[in-house]
Amino acid sequence: MGLADTGKNVGLNAIAAAITHLSLHTDAIGGGSANEATGGSPAYARKAATWGAAATGTVSLTNQPVFDVPVGTYRRVGFYSAITGGTYYGDGDITDEVFAAQGTYTITSGSISITG
């Protein structure tokens, strides 16, 4: 059995309301804040996420969070309920980017879908 898009959209809107912040990670997250970026000047911090209304089984970011990042290779984005601590809701791949010096990483687009 599967959900119609209207059912998927109900779930996605609830998930989007819970995921208020994004994080950057150097490797697999494994269910929490493992490998989350730290340090730097200006210092790394999670960034607020804003989401549009779900449609056709997908909800998309409506902002483009810009992270200050220290030296490292960033591979994953995490989904959290708070700027620090909070509830971990999952994560996703991002295009790997290597920083040999302090820099910024911008999430230019993102979405969450329910398939099936």
PDB file of N, CA and C in Angstrom:
ATOM      1  N   MET A   1       0.845  -1.188   0.000  1.00  0.00           N
ATOM      2  CA  MET A   1       0.000   0.000   0.000  1.00  0.00           C
ATOM      3  C   MET A   1       0.878   1.233   0.000  1.00  0.00           C
ATOM      4  N   GLY A   2       0.401   2.249  -0.626  1.00  0.00           N
ATOM      5  CA  GLY A   2       1.135   3.505  -0.672  1.00  0.00           C
ATOM      6  C   GLY A   2       0.220   4.667  -0.366  1.00  0.00           C
ATOM      7  N   LEU A   3       0.837   5.782  -0.110  1.00  0.00           N
ATOM      8  CA  LEU A   3       0.085   6.991   0.163  1.00  0.00           C
ATOM      9  C   LEU A   3      -0.120   7.792  -1.118  1.00  0.00           C
ATOM     10  N   ALA A   4      -1.262   8.440  -1.204  1.00  0.00           N
ATOM     11  CA  ALA A   4      -1.474   9.428  -2.259  1.00  0.00           C
ATOM     12  C   ALA A   4      -0.629  10.644  -1.916  1.00  0.00           C
ATOM     13  N   ASP A   5      -0.372  11.498  -2.901  1.00  0.00           N
ATOM     14  CA  ASP A   5       0.413  12.707  -2.644  1.00  0.00           C
ATOM     15  C   ASP A   5      -0.176  13.539  -1.510  1.00  0.00           C
ATOM     16  N   THR A   6      -1.490  13.583  -1.407  1.00  0.00           N
ATOM     17  CA  THR A   6      -2.102  14.372  -0.329  1.00  0.00           C
ATOM     18  C   THR A   6      -1.698  13.832   1.038  1.00  0.00           C
ATOM     19  N   GLY A   7      -1.621  12.526   1.173  1.00  0.00           N
ATOM     20  CA  GLY A   7      -1.164  11.917   2.422  1.00  0.00           C
ATOM     21  C   GLY A   7       0.313  12.173   2.675  1.00  0.00           C
ATOM     22  N   LYS A   8       1.117  12.028   1.631  1.00  0.00           N
ATOM     23  CA  LYS A   8       2.551  12.323   1.754  1.00  0.00           C
ATOM     24  C   LYS A   8       2.768  13.773   2.176  1.00  0.00           C
ATOM     25  N   ASN A   9       1.997  14.673   1.601  1.00  0.00           N
ATOM     26  CA  ASN A   9       2.160  16.090   1.899  1.00  0.00           C
ATOM     27  C   ASN A   9       1.868  16.407   3.364  1.00  0.00           C
ATOM     28  N   VAL A  10       0.874  15.731   3.950  1.00  0.00           N
ATOM     29  CA  VAL A  10       0.576  15.925   5.372  1.00  0.00           C
ATOM     30  C   VAL A  10       1.807  15.575   6.213  1.00  0.00           C
ATOM     31  N   GLY A  11       2.393  14.420   5.945  1.00  0.00           N
ATOM     32  CA  GLY A  11       3.582  13.993   6.682  1.00  0.00           C
ATOM     33  C   GLY A  11       4.765  14.914   6.455  1.00  0.00           C
ATOM     34  N   LEU A  12       4.982  15.313   5.217  1.00  0.00           N
ATOM     35  CA  LEU A  12       6.116  16.181   4.899  1.00  0.00           C
ATOM     36  C   LEU A  12       5.981  17.560   5.531  1.00  0.00           C
ATOM     37  N   ASN A  13       4.778  18.108   5.577  1.00  0.00           N
ATOM     38  CA  ASN A  13       4.594  19.407   6.223  1.00  0.00           C
ATOM     39  C   ASN A  13       4.904  19.315   7.716  1.00  0.00           C
ATOM     40  N   ALA A  14       4.548  18.204   8.342  1.00  0.00           N
ATOM     41  CA  ALA A  14       4.870  18.007   9.763  1.00  0.00           C
ATOM     42  C   ALA A  14       6.373  17.866   9.964  1.00  0.00           C
ATOM     43  N   ILE A  15       7.034  17.114   9.099  1.00  0.00           N
ATOM     44  CA  ILE A  15       8.488  16.956   9.188  1.00  0.00           C
ATOM     45  C   ILE A  15       9.180  18.304   8.987  1.00  0.00           C
ATOM     46  N   ALA A  16       8.752  19.050   7.986  1.00  0.00           N
ATOM     47  CA  ALA A  16       9.363  20.356   7.711  1.00  0.00           C
ATOM     48  C   ALA A  16       9.184  21.305   8.891  1.00  0.00           C
ATOM     49  N   ALA A  17       8.052  21.256   9.569  1.00  0.00           N
ATOM     50  CA  ALA A  17       7.838  22.114  10.734  1.00  0.00           C
ATOM     51  C   ALA A  17       8.795  21.749  11.870  1.00  0.00           C
ATOM     52  N   ALA A  18       9.159  20.476  11.958  1.00  0.00           N
ATOM     53  CA  ALA A  18      10.061  20.018  13.023  1.00  0.00           C
ATOM     54  C   ALA A  18      11.526  20.313  12.710  1.00  0.00           C
ATOM     55  N   ILE A  19      11.907  20.271  11.441  1.00  0.00           N
ATOM     56  CA  ILE A  19      13.306  20.493  11.046  1.00  0.00           C
ATOM     57  C   ILE A  19      13.527  21.994  10.892  1.00  0.00           C
ATOM     58  N   THR A  20      14.011  22.608  11.958  1.00  0.00           N
ATOM     59  CA  THR A  20      14.208  24.060  11.957  1.00  0.00           C
ATOM     60  C   THR A  20      15.639  24.469  11.631  1.00  0.00           C
ATOM     61  N   HIS A  21      16.591  23.509  11.730  1.00  0.00           N
ATOM     62  CA  HIS A  21      18.002  23.844  11.513  1.00  0.00           C
ATOM     63  C   HIS A  21      18.726  22.757  10.729  1.00  0.00           C
ATOM     64  N   LEU A  22      19.725  23.192   9.960  1.00  0.00           N
ATOM     65  CA  LEU A  22      20.579  22.286   9.201  1.00  0.00           C
ATOM     66  C   LEU A  22      21.986  22.344   9.775  1.00  0.00           C
ATOM     67  N   SER A  23      22.728  21.243   9.606  1.00  0.00           N
ATOM     68  CA  SER A  23      24.110  21.155  10.074  1.00  0.00           C
ATOM     69  C   SER A  23      24.974  20.619   8.940  1.00  0.00           C
ATOM     70  N   LEU A  24      26.284  20.807   9.042  1.00  0.00           N
ATOM     71  CA  LEU A  24      27.234  20.246   8.081  1.00  0.00           C
ATOM     72  C   LEU A  24      28.137  19.245   8.786  1.00  0.00           C
ATOM     73  N   HIS A  25      28.474  18.162   8.073  1.00  0.00           N
ATOM     74  CA  HIS A  25      29.262  17.078   8.657  1.00  0.00           C
ATOM     75  C   HIS A  25      30.348  16.627   7.683  1.00  0.00           C
ATOM     76  N   THR A  26      31.451  16.173   8.265  1.00  0.00           N
ATOM     77  CA  THR A  26      32.590  15.729   7.466  1.00  0.00           C
ATOM     78  C   THR A  26      32.467  14.272   7.040  1.00  0.00           C
ATOM     79  N   ASP A  27      31.567  13.529   7.650  1.00  0.00           N
ATOM     80  CA  ASP A  27      31.413  12.109   7.333  1.00  0.00           C
ATOM     81  C   ASP A  27      30.033  11.671   7.779  1.00  0.00           C
ATOM     82  N   ALA A  28      29.768  10.379   7.713  1.00  0.00           N
ATOM     83  CA  ALA A  28      28.469   9.836   8.107  1.00  0.00           C
ATOM     84  C   ALA A  28      28.091  10.316   9.499  1.00  0.00           C
ATOM     85  N   ILE A  29      26.832  10.621   9.688  1.00  0.00           N
ATOM     86  CA  ILE A  29      26.357  11.170  10.952  1.00  0.00           C
ATOM     87  C   ILE A  29      26.066  10.061  11.951  1.00  0.00           C
ATOM     88  N   GLY A  30      25.440   8.986  11.530  1.00  0.00           N
ATOM     89  CA  GLY A  30      25.192   7.863  12.418  1.00  0.00           C
ATOM     90  C   GLY A  30      24.198   8.126  13.529  1.00  0.00           C
ATOM     91  N   GLY A  31      23.186   8.922  13.274  1.00  0.00           N
ATOM     92  CA  GLY A  31      22.112   9.080  14.240  1.00  0.00           C
ATOM     93  C   GLY A  31      22.290  10.203  15.242  1.00  0.00           C
ATOM     94  N   GLY A  32      23.168  11.123  15.021  1.00  0.00           N
ATOM     95  CA  GLY A  32      23.344  12.235  15.955  1.00  0.00           C
ATOM     96  C   GLY A  32      24.298  13.264  15.394  1.00  0.00           C
ATOM     97  N   SER A  33      25.019  13.922  16.278  1.00  0.00           N
ATOM     98  CA  SER A  33      25.868  15.030  15.842  1.00  0.00           C
ATOM     99  C   SER A  33      27.298  14.600  15.526  1.00  0.00           C
ATOM    100  N   ALA A  34      27.545  13.306  15.332  1.00  0.00           N
ATOM    101  CA  ALA A  34      28.891  12.832  14.998  1.00  0.00           C
ATOM    102  C   ALA A  34      29.411  13.542  13.752  1.00  0.00           C
ATOM    103  N   ASN A  35      30.676  13.906  13.799  1.00  0.00           N
ATOM    104  CA  ASN A  35      31.366  14.514  12.663  1.00  0.00           C
ATOM    105  C   ASN A  35      30.823  15.867  12.252  1.00  0.00           C
ATOM    106  N   GLU A  36      30.075  16.534  13.137  1.00  0.00           N
ATOM    107  CA  GLU A  36      29.578  17.882  12.819  1.00  0.00           C
ATOM    108  C   GLU A  36      30.744  18.856  12.859  1.00  0.00           C
ATOM    109  N   ALA A  37      30.729  19.822  11.957  1.00  0.00           N
ATOM    110  CA  ALA A  37      31.765  20.853  11.926  1.00  0.00           C
ATOM    111  C   ALA A  37      31.833  21.562  13.273  1.00  0.00           C
ATOM    112  N   THR A  38      33.023  22.015  13.637  1.00  0.00           N
ATOM    113  CA  THR A  38      33.211  22.814  14.850  1.00  0.00           C
ATOM    114  C   THR A  38      34.329  23.813  14.609  1.00  0.00           C
ATOM    115  N   GLY A  39      34.308  24.875  15.382  1.00  0.00           N
ATOM    116  CA  GLY A  39      35.408  25.827  15.359  1.00  0.00           C
ATOM    117  C   GLY A  39      35.353  26.789  14.192  1.00  0.00           C
ATOM    118  N   GLY A  40      36.521  27.349  13.904  1.00  0.00           N
ATOM    119  CA  GLY A  40      36.641  28.320  12.834  1.00  0.00           C
ATOM    120  C   GLY A  40      36.470  29.740  13.341  1.00  0.00           C
ATOM    121  N   SER A  41      36.810  30.687  12.490  1.00  0.00           N
ATOM    122  CA  SER A  41      36.648  32.100  12.804  1.00  0.00           C
ATOM    123  C   SER A  41      36.303  32.837  11.516  1.00  0.00           C
ATOM    124  N   PRO A  42      35.039  33.232  11.332  1.00  0.00           N
ATOM    125  CA  PRO A  42      33.944  33.119  12.286  1.00  0.00           C
ATOM    126  C   PRO A  42      33.555  31.666  12.530  1.00  0.00           C
ATOM    127  N   ALA A  43      33.021  31.425  13.716  1.00  0.00           N
ATOM    128  CA  ALA A  43      32.739  30.060  14.156  1.00  0.00           C
ATOM    129  C   ALA A  43      31.573  29.437  13.393  1.00  0.00           C
ATOM    130  N   TYR A  44      31.712  28.135  13.136  1.00  0.00           N
ATOM    131  CA  TYR A  44      30.636  27.344  12.548  1.00  0.00           C
ATOM    132  C   TYR A  44      29.435  27.350  13.490  1.00  0.00           C
ATOM    133  N   ALA A  45      28.242  27.366  12.921  1.00  0.00           N
ATOM    134  CA  ALA A  45      26.997  27.188  13.664  1.00  0.00           C
ATOM    135  C   ALA A  45      25.956  26.600  12.721  1.00  0.00           C
ATOM    136  N   ARG A  46      25.023  25.853  13.271  1.00  0.00           N
ATOM    137  CA  ARG A  46      23.890  25.390  12.471  1.00  0.00           C
ATOM    138  C   ARG A  46      23.129  26.600  11.953  1.00  0.00           C
ATOM    139  N   LYS A  47      22.411  26.376  10.848  1.00  0.00           N
ATOM    140  CA  LYS A  47      21.664  27.464  10.219  1.00  0.00           C
ATOM    141  C   LYS A  47      20.182  27.118  10.129  1.00  0.00           C
ATOM    142  N   ALA A  48      19.362  28.155  10.211  1.00  0.00           N
ATOM    143  CA  ALA A  48      17.911  27.974  10.123  1.00  0.00           C
ATOM    144  C   ALA A  48      17.523  27.473   8.739  1.00  0.00           C
ATOM    145  N   ALA A  49      16.525  26.603   8.728  1.00  0.00           N
ATOM    146  CA  ALA A  49      15.950  26.097   7.482  1.00  0.00           C
ATOM    147  C   ALA A  49      14.510  26.575   7.385  1.00  0.00           C
ATOM    148  N   THR A  50      14.142  27.061   6.215  1.00  0.00           N
ATOM    149  CA  THR A  50      12.737  27.391   5.974  1.00  0.00           C
ATOM    150  C   THR A  50      12.261  26.547   4.796  1.00  0.00           C
ATOM    151  N   TRP A  51      11.036  26.098   4.898  1.00  0.00           N
ATOM    152  CA  TRP A  51      10.481  25.146   3.938  1.00  0.00           C
ATOM    153  C   TRP A  51       9.198  25.702   3.336  1.00  0.00           C
ATOM    154  N   GLY A  52       8.961  25.386   2.091  1.00  0.00           N
ATOM    155  CA  GLY A  52       7.695  25.702   1.452  1.00  0.00           C
ATOM    156  C   GLY A  52       6.655  24.656   1.826  1.00  0.00           C
ATOM    157  N   ALA A  53       5.456  24.813   1.322  1.00  0.00           N
ATOM    158  CA  ALA A  53       4.406  23.821   1.524  1.00  0.00           C
ATOM    159  C   ALA A  53       4.697  22.602   0.646  1.00  0.00           C
ATOM    160  N   ALA A  54       4.478  21.437   1.199  1.00  0.00           N
ATOM    161  CA  ALA A  54       4.694  20.205   0.440  1.00  0.00           C
ATOM    162  C   ALA A  54       3.709  20.117  -0.725  1.00  0.00           C
ATOM    163  N   ALA A  55       4.206  19.584  -1.838  1.00  0.00           N
ATOM    164  CA  ALA A  55       3.383  19.370  -3.027  1.00  0.00           C
ATOM    165  C   ALA A  55       3.922  18.146  -3.764  1.00  0.00           C
ATOM    166  N   THR A  56       3.041  17.355  -4.271  1.00  0.00           N
ATOM    167  CA  THR A  56       3.378  16.150  -5.042  1.00  0.00           C
ATOM    168  C   THR A  56       4.409  15.261  -4.336  1.00  0.00           C
ATOM    169  N   GLY A  57       4.289  15.165  -3.010  1.00  0.00           N
ATOM    170  CA  GLY A  57       5.142  14.262  -2.244  1.00  0.00           C
ATOM    171  C   GLY A  57       6.540  14.774  -1.977  1.00  0.00           C
ATOM    172  N   THR A  58       6.764  16.094  -2.113  1.00  0.00           N
ATOM    173  CA  THR A  58       8.083  16.696  -1.888  1.00  0.00           C
ATOM    174  C   THR A  58       7.908  18.025  -1.173  1.00  0.00           C
ATOM    175  N   VAL A  59       8.832  18.311  -0.242  1.00  0.00           N
ATOM    176  CA  VAL A  59       8.896  19.622   0.394  1.00  0.00           C
ATOM    177  C   VAL A  59      10.301  20.167   0.149  1.00  0.00           C
ATOM    178  N   SER A  60      10.399  21.448  -0.198  1.00  0.00           N
ATOM    179  CA  SER A  60      11.683  22.035  -0.586  1.00  0.00           C
ATOM    180  C   SER A  60      12.057  23.224   0.292  1.00  0.00           C
ATOM    181  N   LEU A  61      13.366  23.411   0.448  1.00  0.00           N
ATOM    182  CA  LEU A  61      13.873  24.594   1.143  1.00  0.00           C
ATOM    183  C   LEU A  61      13.485  25.854   0.381  1.00  0.00           C
ATOM    184  N   THR A  62      13.199  26.922   1.120  1.00  0.00           N
ATOM    185  CA  THR A  62      12.928  28.206   0.489  1.00  0.00           C
ATOM    186  C   THR A  62      14.025  29.218   0.793  1.00  0.00           C
ATOM    187  N   ASN A  63      15.019  28.821   1.580  1.00  0.00           N
ATOM    188  CA  ASN A  63      16.160  29.702   1.826  1.00  0.00           C
ATOM    189  C   ASN A  63      17.445  29.002   1.394  1.00  0.00           C
ATOM    190  N   GLN A  64      18.544  29.734   1.424  1.00  0.00           N
ATOM    191  CA  GLN A  64      19.854  29.199   1.051  1.00  0.00           C
ATOM    192  C   GLN A  64      20.823  29.436   2.207  1.00  0.00           C
ATOM    193  N   PRO A  65      20.828  28.522   3.189  1.00  0.00           N
ATOM    194  CA  PRO A  65      21.689  28.703   4.360  1.00  0.00           C
ATOM    195  C   PRO A  65      23.168  28.763   3.973  1.00  0.00           C
ATOM    196  N   VAL A  66      23.882  29.717   4.594  1.00  0.00           N
ATOM    197  CA  VAL A  66      25.320  29.898   4.364  1.00  0.00           C
ATOM    198  C   VAL A  66      26.041  29.594   5.677  1.00  0.00           C
ATOM    199  N   PHE A  67      26.909  28.589   5.635  1.00  0.00           N
ATOM    200  CA  PHE A  67      27.653  28.155   6.813  1.00  0.00           C
ATOM    201  C   PHE A  67      29.076  28.687   6.769  1.00  0.00           C
ATOM    202  N   ASP A  68      29.577  29.192   7.891  1.00  0.00           N
ATOM    203  CA  ASP A  68      30.999  29.459   8.062  1.00  0.00           C
ATOM    204  C   ASP A  68      31.632  28.125   8.434  1.00  0.00           C
ATOM    205  N   VAL A  69      32.663  27.714   7.690  1.00  0.00           N
ATOM    206  CA  VAL A  69      33.273  26.405   7.945  1.00  0.00           C
ATOM    207  C   VAL A  69      34.788  26.507   8.081  1.00  0.00           C
ATOM    208  N   PRO A  70      35.337  25.736   9.026  1.00  0.00           N
ATOM    209  CA  PRO A  70      36.787  25.647   9.142  1.00  0.00           C
ATOM    210  C   PRO A  70      37.341  24.648   8.121  1.00  0.00           C
ATOM    211  N   VAL A  71      38.639  24.489   8.116  1.00  0.00           N
ATOM    212  CA  VAL A  71      39.311  23.529   7.240  1.00  0.00           C
ATOM    213  C   VAL A  71      38.644  22.162   7.376  1.00  0.00           C
ATOM    214  N   GLY A  72      38.401  21.497   6.253  1.00  0.00           N
ATOM    215  CA  GLY A  72      37.819  20.161   6.272  1.00  0.00           C
ATOM    216  C   GLY A  72      37.130  19.851   4.965  1.00  0.00           C
ATOM    217  N   THR A  73      36.645  18.620   4.850  1.00  0.00           N
ATOM    218  CA  THR A  73      35.856  18.189   3.704  1.00  0.00           C
ATOM    219  C   THR A  73      34.450  17.903   4.204  1.00  0.00           C
ATOM    220  N   TYR A  74      33.477  18.568   3.640  1.00  0.00           N
ATOM    221  CA  TYR A  74      32.096  18.445   4.104  1.00  0.00           C
ATOM    222  C   TYR A  74      31.301  17.598   3.122  1.00  0.00           C
ATOM    223  N   ARG A  75      30.584  16.581   3.678  1.00  0.00           N
ATOM    224  CA  ARG A  75      29.932  15.559   2.858  1.00  0.00           C
ATOM    225  C   ARG A  75      28.443  15.351   3.139  1.00  0.00           C
ATOM    226  N   ARG A  76      27.957  15.798   4.292  1.00  0.00           N
ATOM    227  CA  ARG A  76      26.580  15.501   4.694  1.00  0.00           C
ATOM    228  C   ARG A  76      25.922  16.739   5.294  1.00  0.00           C
ATOM    229  N   VAL A  77      24.614  16.817   5.150  1.00  0.00           N
ATOM    230  CA  VAL A  77      23.803  17.826   5.820  1.00  0.00           C
ATOM    231  C   VAL A  77      22.885  17.094   6.785  1.00  0.00           C
ATOM    232  N   GLY A  78      22.775  17.612   8.000  1.00  0.00           N
ATOM    233  CA  GLY A  78      21.911  17.013   9.016  1.00  0.00           C
ATOM    234  C   GLY A  78      20.666  17.851   9.239  1.00  0.00           C
ATOM    235  N   PHE A  79      19.600  17.200   9.693  1.00  0.00           N
ATOM    236  CA  PHE A  79      18.314  17.845   9.933  1.00  0.00           C
ATOM    237  C   PHE A  79      18.017  17.812  11.436  1.00  0.00           C
ATOM    238  N   TYR A  80      17.885  18.975  12.057  1.00  0.00           N
ATOM    239  CA  TYR A  80      17.722  19.086  13.511  1.00  0.00           C
ATOM    240  C   TYR A  80      16.577  20.008  13.893  1.00  0.00           C
ATOM    241  N   SER A  81      16.146  19.880  15.152  1.00  0.00           N
ATOM    242  CA  SER A  81      15.063  20.704  15.691  1.00  0.00           C
ATOM    243  C   SER A  81      15.562  21.941  16.420  1.00  0.00           C
ATOM    244  N   ALA A  82      16.888  22.156  16.492  1.00  0.00           N
ATOM    245  CA  ALA A  82      17.400  23.284  17.263  1.00  0.00           C
ATOM    246  C   ALA A  82      18.776  23.697  16.756  1.00  0.00           C
ATOM    247  N   ILE A  83      19.179  24.910  17.125  1.00  0.00           N
ATOM    248  CA  ILE A  83      20.483  25.424  16.723  1.00  0.00           C
ATOM    249  C   ILE A  83      21.615  24.671  17.436  1.00  0.00           C
ATOM    250  N   THR A  84      21.380  24.194  18.633  1.00  0.00           N
ATOM    251  CA  THR A  84      22.320  23.311  19.334  1.00  0.00           C
ATOM    252  C   THR A  84      21.505  22.195  19.973  1.00  0.00           C
ATOM    253  N   GLY A  85      22.122  21.025  20.139  1.00  0.00           N
ATOM    254  CA  GLY A  85      21.371  19.903  20.714  1.00  0.00           C
ATOM    255  C   GLY A  85      20.177  19.591  19.838  1.00  0.00           C
ATOM    256  N   GLY A  86      19.013  19.470  20.460  1.00  0.00           N
ATOM    257  CA  GLY A  86      17.787  19.221  19.721  1.00  0.00           C
ATOM    258  C   GLY A  86      17.656  17.781  19.259  1.00  0.00           C
ATOM    259  N   THR A  87      16.627  17.539  18.492  1.00  0.00           N
ATOM    260  CA  THR A  87      16.333  16.208  17.958  1.00  0.00           C
ATOM    261  C   THR A  87      16.910  16.080  16.564  1.00  0.00           C
ATOM    262  N   TYR A  88      17.588  14.968  16.332  1.00  0.00           N
ATOM    263  CA  TYR A  88      18.138  14.637  15.014  1.00  0.00           C
ATOM    264  C   TYR A  88      17.056  13.895  14.233  1.00  0.00           C
ATOM    265  N   TYR A  89      16.735  14.380  13.024  1.00  0.00           N
ATOM    266  CA  TYR A  89      15.691  13.764  12.205  1.00  0.00           C
ATOM    267  C   TYR A  89      16.212  13.012  10.991  1.00  0.00           C
ATOM    268  N   GLY A  90      17.473  13.132  10.689  1.00  0.00           N
ATOM    269  CA  GLY A  90      18.029  12.447   9.531  1.00  0.00           C
ATOM    270  C   GLY A  90      19.087  13.305   8.872  1.00  0.00           C
ATOM    271  N   ASP A  91      19.546  12.854   7.713  1.00  0.00           N
ATOM    272  CA  ASP A  91      20.596  13.572   7.007  1.00  0.00           C
ATOM    273  C   ASP A  91      20.580  13.190   5.544  1.00  0.00           C
ATOM    274  N   GLY A  92      21.374  13.894   4.768  1.00  0.00           N
ATOM    275  CA  GLY A  92      21.465  13.610   3.342  1.00  0.00           C
ATOM    276  C   GLY A  92      22.826  13.971   2.795  1.00  0.00           C
ATOM    277  N   ASP A  93      23.114  13.417   1.629  1.00  0.00           N
ATOM    278  CA  ASP A  93      24.364  13.724   0.936  1.00  0.00           C
ATOM    279  C   ASP A  93      24.350  15.149   0.411  1.00  0.00           C
ATOM    280  N   ILE A  94      25.531  15.755   0.392  1.00  0.00           N
ATOM    281  CA  ILE A  94      25.743  17.012  -0.310  1.00  0.00           C
ATOM    282  C   ILE A  94      26.962  16.822  -1.201  1.00  0.00           C
ATOM    283  N   THR A  95      27.140  17.702  -2.129  1.00  0.00           N
ATOM    284  CA  THR A  95      28.331  17.650  -2.959  1.00  0.00           C
ATOM    285  C   THR A  95      29.545  17.886  -2.070  1.00  0.00           C
ATOM    286  N   ASP A  96      30.477  16.920  -2.056  1.00  0.00           N
ATOM    287  CA  ASP A  96      31.686  17.069  -1.247  1.00  0.00           C
ATOM    288  C   ASP A  96      32.409  18.355  -1.620  1.00  0.00           C
ATOM    289  N   GLU A  97      32.810  19.083  -0.599  1.00  0.00           N
ATOM    290  CA  GLU A  97      33.606  20.277  -0.840  1.00  0.00           C
ATOM    291  C   GLU A  97      34.745  20.319   0.167  1.00  0.00           C
ATOM    292  N   VAL A  98      35.956  20.530  -0.356  1.00  0.00           N
ATOM    293  CA  VAL A  98      37.169  20.571   0.454  1.00  0.00           C
ATOM    294  C   VAL A  98      37.535  22.027   0.718  1.00  0.00           C
ATOM    295  N   PHE A  99      37.762  22.346   1.995  1.00  0.00           N
ATOM    296  CA  PHE A  99      38.207  23.674   2.390  1.00  0.00           C
ATOM    297  C   PHE A  99      39.607  23.557   2.970  1.00  0.00           C
ATOM    298  N   ALA A 100      40.591  24.150   2.294  1.00  0.00           N
ATOM    299  CA  ALA A 100      41.969  24.171   2.783  1.00  0.00           C
ATOM    300  C   ALA A 100      42.179  25.339   3.739  1.00  0.00           C
ATOM    301  N   ALA A 101      41.207  26.246   3.792  1.00  0.00           N
ATOM    302  CA  ALA A 101      41.230  27.395   4.695  1.00  0.00           C
ATOM    303  C   ALA A 101      39.781  27.703   5.071  1.00  0.00           C
ATOM    304  N   GLN A 102      39.597  28.557   6.062  1.00  0.00           N
ATOM    305  CA  GLN A 102      38.260  28.996   6.469  1.00  0.00           C
ATOM    306  C   GLN A 102      37.489  29.465   5.241  1.00  0.00           C
ATOM    307  N   GLY A 103      36.192  29.131   5.184  1.00  0.00           N
ATOM    308  CA  GLY A 103      35.379  29.544   4.050  1.00  0.00           C
ATOM    309  C   GLY A 103      33.906  29.479   4.379  1.00  0.00           C
ATOM    310  N   THR A 104      33.079  29.522   3.329  1.00  0.00           N
ATOM    311  CA  THR A 104      31.633  29.388   3.501  1.00  0.00           C
ATOM    312  C   THR A 104      31.107  28.307   2.568  1.00  0.00           C
ATOM    313  N   TYR A 105      30.089  27.605   3.039  1.00  0.00           N
ATOM    314  CA  TYR A 105      29.411  26.577   2.247  1.00  0.00           C
ATOM    315  C   TYR A 105      27.943  26.976   2.199  1.00  0.00           C
ATOM    316  N   THR A 106      27.398  27.085   0.993  1.00  0.00           N
ATOM    317  CA  THR A 106      26.003  27.471   0.812  1.00  0.00           C
ATOM    318  C   THR A 106      25.194  26.294   0.316  1.00  0.00           C
ATOM    319  N   ILE A 107      24.084  26.022   0.980  1.00  0.00           N
ATOM    320  CA  ILE A 107      23.129  25.025   0.492  1.00  0.00           C
ATOM    321  C   ILE A 107      22.190  25.781  -0.440  1.00  0.00           C
ATOM    322  N   THR A 108      22.339  25.557  -1.746  1.00  0.00           N
ATOM    323  CA  THR A 108      21.571  26.352  -2.715  1.00  0.00           C
ATOM    324  C   THR A 108      20.178  25.806  -2.962  1.00  0.00           C
ATOM    325  N   SER A 109      19.967  24.513  -2.677  1.00  0.00           N
ATOM    326  CA  SER A 109      18.632  23.932  -2.811  1.00  0.00           C
ATOM    327  C   SER A 109      18.614  22.614  -2.058  1.00  0.00           C
ATOM    328  N   GLY A 110      17.427  22.193  -1.712  1.00  0.00           N
ATOM    329  CA  GLY A 110      17.272  20.923  -1.027  1.00  0.00           C
ATOM    330  C   GLY A 110      15.821  20.554  -0.908  1.00  0.00           C
ATOM    331  N   SER A 111      15.564  19.269  -0.845  1.00  0.00           N
ATOM    332  CA  SER A 111      14.179  18.818  -0.697  1.00  0.00           C
ATOM    333  C   SER A 111      14.147  17.469   0.009  1.00  0.00           C
ATOM    334  N   ILE A 112      12.985  17.162   0.539  1.00  0.00           N
ATOM    335  CA  ILE A 112      12.725  15.862   1.166  1.00  0.00           C
ATOM    336  C   ILE A 112      11.491  15.284   0.473  1.00  0.00           C
ATOM    337  N   SER A 113      11.582  14.018   0.100  1.00  0.00           N
ATOM    338  CA  SER A 113      10.464  13.372  -0.599  1.00  0.00           C
ATOM    339  C   SER A 113      10.063  12.092   0.102  1.00  0.00           C
ATOM    340  N   ILE A 114       8.827  11.715  -0.093  1.00  0.00           N
ATOM    341  CA  ILE A 114       8.335  10.402   0.311  1.00  0.00           C
ATOM    342  C   ILE A 114       8.004   9.664  -0.975  1.00  0.00           C
ATOM    343  N   THR A 115       8.615   8.516  -1.164  1.00  0.00           N
ATOM    344  CA  THR A 115       8.352   7.719  -2.359  1.00  0.00           C
ATOM    345  C   THR A 115       7.608   6.457  -1.972  1.00  0.00           C
ATOM    346  N   GLY A 116       6.918   5.905  -2.914  1.00  0.00           N
ATOM    347  CA  GLY A 116       6.226   4.641  -2.661  1.00  0.00           C
ATOM    348  C   GLY A 116       4.807   4.813  -2.224  1.00  0.00           C
TER     349      GLY A 116
END
